[in-house]
Amino acid sequence: METRIIPATSDQLDTLLQLVREYYDYDGIRFEDGTARRGLSSLLENPSLGRAWLIHRGQEIAGYLIDGFGFDVAFAGRLATITDFYLRPDFRRLGIGRQTFDFVEKAC
């Protein structure tokens, strides 16, 4: 089955919000819908802040990854930090995580 990693768009805000809710629930992080919605909207509308990626396995959404951009003098430029990474339980231990990190490393 093919794994595809595609940039999330504003049209997919509700899908991404659901994935964030699942991740926070899994990791025991308090989820506030309004705060998360505002944050994701800002990220999706302003690509200079970072990117959100949807991870697809076949026809299903397996998870998501968010990287945020900053600046680091040591690198003399932009720095990307992975702030969120979540795979739904049925998609773990299939190599999707490694594929995702390889993809994002090249994308950055």
N, C-alpha and C. Protein backbone atom coordinates (compact mmCIF):
# COMPACT_ATOMS: atom_id res chain seq x y z
N MET A 1 0.84 -1.17 0.00
CA MET A 1 0.00 0.00 0.00
C MET A 1 0.89 1.24 0.00
N GLU A 2 0.51 2.22 -0.77
CA GLU A 2 1.30 3.43 -0.93
C GLU A 2 1.07 4.42 0.21
N THR A 3 2.17 5.04 0.67
CA THR A 3 2.09 6.13 1.64
C THR A 3 2.34 7.43 0.90
N ARG A 4 1.43 8.39 1.09
CA ARG A 4 1.58 9.71 0.48
C ARG A 4 1.55 10.76 1.58
N ILE A 5 2.41 11.74 1.48
CA ILE A 5 2.47 12.83 2.45
C ILE A 5 2.23 14.11 1.67
N ILE A 6 1.11 14.76 1.99
CA ILE A 6 0.73 15.94 1.20
C ILE A 6 0.52 17.13 2.13
N PRO A 7 0.79 18.33 1.63
CA PRO A 7 0.56 19.52 2.46
C PRO A 7 -0.94 19.67 2.76
N ALA A 8 -1.24 19.98 4.00
CA ALA A 8 -2.63 20.26 4.38
C ALA A 8 -2.99 21.66 3.90
N THR A 9 -4.24 21.84 3.55
CA THR A 9 -4.75 23.13 3.11
C THR A 9 -5.83 23.61 4.07
N SER A 10 -6.22 24.86 3.93
CA SER A 10 -7.28 25.42 4.77
C SER A 10 -8.58 24.64 4.64
N ASP A 11 -8.82 24.04 3.48
CA ASP A 11 -10.02 23.23 3.27
C ASP A 11 -10.03 21.98 4.15
N GLN A 12 -8.88 21.58 4.65
CA GLN A 12 -8.77 20.37 5.45
C GLN A 12 -8.62 20.67 6.94
N LEU A 13 -8.95 21.89 7.33
CA LEU A 13 -8.81 22.31 8.72
C LEU A 13 -9.53 21.36 9.68
N ASP A 14 -10.77 21.00 9.40
CA ASP A 14 -11.52 20.13 10.31
C ASP A 14 -10.89 18.74 10.42
N THR A 15 -10.39 18.21 9.32
CA THR A 15 -9.69 16.92 9.35
C THR A 15 -8.45 17.00 10.21
N LEU A 16 -7.67 18.05 10.00
CA LEU A 16 -6.44 18.24 10.77
C LEU A 16 -6.76 18.45 12.25
N LEU A 17 -7.80 19.21 12.53
CA LEU A 17 -8.22 19.46 13.91
C LEU A 17 -8.60 18.14 14.60
N GLN A 18 -9.29 17.26 13.91
CA GLN A 18 -9.64 15.96 14.47
C GLN A 18 -8.39 15.14 14.79
N LEU A 19 -7.41 15.17 13.91
CA LEU A 19 -6.17 14.44 14.16
C LEU A 19 -5.42 15.01 15.36
N VAL A 20 -5.40 16.33 15.47
CA VAL A 20 -4.75 16.96 16.63
C VAL A 20 -5.48 16.54 17.91
N ARG A 21 -6.79 16.52 17.86
CA ARG A 21 -7.58 16.09 19.02
C ARG A 21 -7.22 14.65 19.41
N GLU A 22 -7.10 13.76 18.43
CA GLU A 22 -6.72 12.36 18.70
C GLU A 22 -5.33 12.28 19.32
N TYR A 23 -4.40 13.04 18.76
CA TYR A 23 -3.03 13.04 19.28
C TYR A 23 -2.99 13.54 20.73
N TYR A 24 -3.65 14.65 20.99
CA TYR A 24 -3.65 15.21 22.35
C TYR A 24 -4.29 14.23 23.33
N ASP A 25 -5.37 13.58 22.92
CA ASP A 25 -6.02 12.59 23.77
C ASP A 25 -5.05 11.44 24.06
N TYR A 26 -4.38 10.95 23.04
CA TYR A 26 -3.42 9.86 23.18
C TYR A 26 -2.28 10.24 24.12
N ASP A 27 -1.80 11.47 24.02
CA ASP A 27 -0.64 11.90 24.79
C ASP A 27 -1.00 12.60 26.11
N GLY A 28 -2.29 12.69 26.42
CA GLY A 28 -2.71 13.29 27.67
C GLY A 28 -2.55 14.80 27.72
N ILE A 29 -2.64 15.45 26.57
CA ILE A 29 -2.52 16.91 26.49
C ILE A 29 -3.92 17.51 26.48
N ARG A 30 -4.12 18.54 27.26
CA ARG A 30 -5.44 19.21 27.28
C ARG A 30 -5.72 19.84 25.92
N PHE A 31 -6.87 19.55 25.37
CA PHE A 31 -7.26 20.04 24.05
C PHE A 31 -8.30 21.13 24.20
N GLU A 32 -8.05 22.28 23.59
CA GLU A 32 -9.01 23.36 23.54
C GLU A 32 -9.31 23.65 22.08
N ASP A 33 -10.52 23.34 21.67
CA ASP A 33 -10.90 23.44 20.26
C ASP A 33 -10.63 24.83 19.68
N GLY A 34 -11.05 25.87 20.36
CA GLY A 34 -10.89 27.22 19.83
C GLY A 34 -9.43 27.61 19.64
N THR A 35 -8.61 27.28 20.62
CA THR A 35 -7.17 27.59 20.53
C THR A 35 -6.52 26.82 19.41
N ALA A 36 -6.82 25.52 19.34
CA ALA A 36 -6.23 24.69 18.28
C ALA A 36 -6.70 25.15 16.90
N ARG A 37 -7.98 25.48 16.78
CA ARG A 37 -8.52 25.94 15.50
C ARG A 37 -7.83 27.23 15.05
N ARG A 38 -7.66 28.19 15.97
CA ARG A 38 -6.99 29.45 15.62
C ARG A 38 -5.54 29.20 15.23
N GLY A 39 -4.85 28.36 15.99
CA GLY A 39 -3.45 28.06 15.68
C GLY A 39 -3.29 27.39 14.32
N LEU A 40 -4.10 26.38 14.06
CA LEU A 40 -4.02 25.69 12.77
C LEU A 40 -4.40 26.61 11.62
N SER A 41 -5.41 27.44 11.82
CA SER A 41 -5.81 28.39 10.77
C SER A 41 -4.66 29.33 10.44
N SER A 42 -3.99 29.85 11.46
CA SER A 42 -2.85 30.75 11.24
C SER A 42 -1.75 30.03 10.47
N LEU A 43 -1.45 28.80 10.88
CA LEU A 43 -0.40 28.03 10.21
C LEU A 43 -0.75 27.77 8.74
N LEU A 44 -1.98 27.36 8.49
CA LEU A 44 -2.38 27.02 7.12
C LEU A 44 -2.47 28.24 6.22
N GLU A 45 -2.75 29.39 6.80
CA GLU A 45 -2.88 30.62 6.01
C GLU A 45 -1.55 31.36 5.83
N ASN A 46 -0.54 31.03 6.61
CA ASN A 46 0.73 31.74 6.56
C ASN A 46 1.89 30.74 6.47
N PRO A 47 2.29 30.35 5.26
CA PRO A 47 3.32 29.34 5.09
C PRO A 47 4.70 29.73 5.66
N SER A 48 4.90 31.00 5.98
CA SER A 48 6.18 31.38 6.57
C SER A 48 6.30 30.88 8.02
N LEU A 49 5.18 30.47 8.62
CA LEU A 49 5.21 29.95 9.99
C LEU A 49 5.63 28.49 10.06
N GLY A 50 5.33 27.75 9.01
CA GLY A 50 5.62 26.31 8.99
C GLY A 50 4.65 25.62 8.07
N ARG A 51 4.55 24.30 8.23
CA ARG A 51 3.67 23.51 7.37
C ARG A 51 2.99 22.41 8.15
N ALA A 52 1.84 22.03 7.69
CA ALA A 52 1.13 20.86 8.20
C ALA A 52 1.04 19.86 7.05
N TRP A 53 1.32 18.62 7.36
CA TRP A 53 1.31 17.55 6.36
C TRP A 53 0.30 16.50 6.78
N LEU A 54 -0.50 16.01 5.84
CA LEU A 54 -1.39 14.88 6.07
C LEU A 54 -0.72 13.63 5.51
N ILE A 55 -0.75 12.57 6.28
CA ILE A 55 -0.12 11.31 5.89
C ILE A 55 -1.23 10.34 5.48
N HIS A 56 -1.19 9.92 4.25
CA HIS A 56 -2.20 9.00 3.72
C HIS A 56 -1.57 7.63 3.49
N ARG A 57 -2.32 6.60 3.82
CA ARG A 57 -1.92 5.22 3.51
C ARG A 57 -3.08 4.63 2.73
N GLY A 58 -2.83 4.40 1.45
CA GLY A 58 -3.94 3.99 0.59
C GLY A 58 -4.96 5.12 0.54
N GLN A 59 -6.20 4.81 0.81
CA GLN A 59 -7.28 5.81 0.78
C GLN A 59 -7.57 6.43 2.14
N GLU A 60 -6.85 6.00 3.17
CA GLU A 60 -7.12 6.46 4.53
C GLU A 60 -6.10 7.48 5.01
N ILE A 61 -6.52 8.35 5.91
CA ILE A 61 -5.60 9.29 6.53
C ILE A 61 -4.99 8.59 7.75
N ALA A 62 -3.68 8.42 7.70
CA ALA A 62 -2.96 7.68 8.74
C ALA A 62 -2.50 8.59 9.87
N GLY A 63 -2.31 9.87 9.59
CA GLY A 63 -1.82 10.78 10.62
C GLY A 63 -1.44 12.12 10.05
N TYR A 64 -0.62 12.84 10.83
CA TYR A 64 -0.21 14.18 10.41
C TYR A 64 1.13 14.53 11.04
N LEU A 65 1.75 15.55 10.49
CA LEU A 65 2.98 16.11 11.02
C LEU A 65 2.94 17.62 10.82
N ILE A 66 3.43 18.36 11.81
CA ILE A 66 3.54 19.81 11.70
C ILE A 66 4.99 20.18 11.96
N ASP A 67 5.54 21.01 11.07
CA ASP A 67 6.86 21.60 11.33
C ASP A 67 6.71 23.12 11.37
N GLY A 68 7.38 23.71 12.32
CA GLY A 68 7.36 25.16 12.48
C GLY A 68 8.71 25.74 12.12
N PHE A 69 8.72 26.94 11.57
CA PHE A 69 9.95 27.57 11.13
C PHE A 69 10.41 28.62 12.14
N GLY A 70 11.69 28.65 12.32
CA GLY A 70 12.33 29.66 13.15
C GLY A 70 13.63 30.09 12.49
N PHE A 71 14.48 30.73 13.25
CA PHE A 71 15.77 31.18 12.75
C PHE A 71 16.83 30.81 13.77
N ASP A 72 17.99 30.36 13.30
CA ASP A 72 19.08 30.00 14.19
C ASP A 72 20.38 30.56 13.65
N VAL A 73 21.05 31.34 14.47
CA VAL A 73 22.32 31.95 14.06
C VAL A 73 23.35 30.87 13.73
N ALA A 74 23.36 29.79 14.50
CA ALA A 74 24.33 28.72 14.27
C ALA A 74 24.21 28.12 12.88
N PHE A 75 23.01 28.13 12.33
CA PHE A 75 22.79 27.62 10.98
C PHE A 75 22.79 28.75 9.95
N ALA A 76 22.88 29.97 10.43
CA ALA A 76 22.85 31.15 9.57
C ALA A 76 21.59 31.20 8.71
N GLY A 77 20.50 30.76 9.31
CA GLY A 77 19.27 30.80 8.54
C GLY A 77 18.12 30.09 9.21
N ARG A 78 17.20 29.71 8.38
CA ARG A 78 15.95 29.10 8.82
C ARG A 78 16.18 27.74 9.46
N LEU A 79 15.30 27.43 10.39
CA LEU A 79 15.35 26.18 11.11
C LEU A 79 13.93 25.63 11.17
N ALA A 80 13.76 24.37 10.86
CA ALA A 80 12.45 23.73 10.96
C ALA A 80 12.46 22.79 12.16
N THR A 81 11.41 22.87 12.97
CA THR A 81 11.27 22.02 14.14
C THR A 81 9.95 21.26 14.03
N ILE A 82 10.01 19.95 14.20
CA ILE A 82 8.78 19.16 14.19
C ILE A 82 8.11 19.37 15.54
N THR A 83 6.91 19.93 15.51
CA THR A 83 6.19 20.21 16.74
C THR A 83 5.12 19.17 17.04
N ASP A 84 4.55 18.56 16.02
CA ASP A 84 3.55 17.51 16.18
C ASP A 84 3.83 16.40 15.19
N PHE A 85 3.69 15.16 15.66
CA PHE A 85 3.73 14.00 14.78
C PHE A 85 2.83 12.94 15.39
N TYR A 86 1.85 12.50 14.61
CA TYR A 86 0.90 11.51 15.12
C TYR A 86 0.51 10.55 14.02
N LEU A 87 0.56 9.27 14.36
CA LEU A 87 0.03 8.22 13.50
C LEU A 87 -1.08 7.51 14.27
N ARG A 88 -2.18 7.31 13.61
CA ARG A 88 -3.27 6.56 14.22
C ARG A 88 -2.79 5.14 14.54
N PRO A 89 -3.33 4.52 15.60
CA PRO A 89 -2.82 3.22 16.04
C PRO A 89 -2.73 2.15 14.97
N ASP A 90 -3.70 2.06 14.07
CA ASP A 90 -3.68 1.02 13.03
C ASP A 90 -2.55 1.19 12.03
N PHE A 91 -1.87 2.35 12.05
CA PHE A 91 -0.84 2.63 11.05
C PHE A 91 0.57 2.64 11.65
N ARG A 92 0.68 2.24 12.88
CA ARG A 92 1.99 2.21 13.53
C ARG A 92 2.69 0.89 13.23
N ARG A 93 4.01 0.93 13.30
CA ARG A 93 4.87 -0.24 13.09
C ARG A 93 4.78 -0.80 11.67
N LEU A 94 4.54 0.10 10.72
CA LEU A 94 4.48 -0.28 9.31
C LEU A 94 5.56 0.43 8.49
N GLY A 95 6.41 1.19 9.15
CA GLY A 95 7.45 1.94 8.45
C GLY A 95 7.00 3.33 7.99
N ILE A 96 5.77 3.71 8.30
CA ILE A 96 5.25 4.99 7.86
C ILE A 96 5.97 6.14 8.55
N GLY A 97 6.29 5.96 9.82
CA GLY A 97 7.02 7.01 10.55
C GLY A 97 8.36 7.30 9.91
N ARG A 98 9.11 6.28 9.58
CA ARG A 98 10.42 6.45 8.93
C ARG A 98 10.24 7.12 7.57
N GLN A 99 9.26 6.70 6.79
CA GLN A 99 8.99 7.31 5.49
C GLN A 99 8.66 8.79 5.66
N THR A 100 7.87 9.10 6.68
CA THR A 100 7.46 10.48 6.93
C THR A 100 8.66 11.34 7.29
N PHE A 101 9.50 10.86 8.19
CA PHE A 101 10.67 11.64 8.59
C PHE A 101 11.65 11.81 7.43
N ASP A 102 11.84 10.78 6.63
CA ASP A 102 12.70 10.90 5.44
C ASP A 102 12.14 11.96 4.48
N PHE A 103 10.83 11.94 4.27
CA PHE A 103 10.18 12.91 3.39
C PHE A 103 10.37 14.33 3.91
N VAL A 104 10.07 14.53 5.19
CA VAL A 104 10.13 15.88 5.75
C VAL A 104 11.57 16.40 5.77
N GLU A 105 12.52 15.53 6.02
CA GLU A 105 13.93 15.96 5.98
C GLU A 105 14.28 16.49 4.60
N LYS A 106 13.86 15.81 3.57
CA LYS A 106 14.13 16.29 2.20
C LYS A 106 13.35 17.55 1.90
N ALA A 107 12.10 17.63 2.38
CA ALA A 107 11.27 18.80 2.11
C ALA A 107 11.84 20.06 2.77
N CYS A 108 12.50 19.87 3.90
CA CYS A 108 13.06 21.02 4.62
C CYS A 108 14.39 21.44 4.02
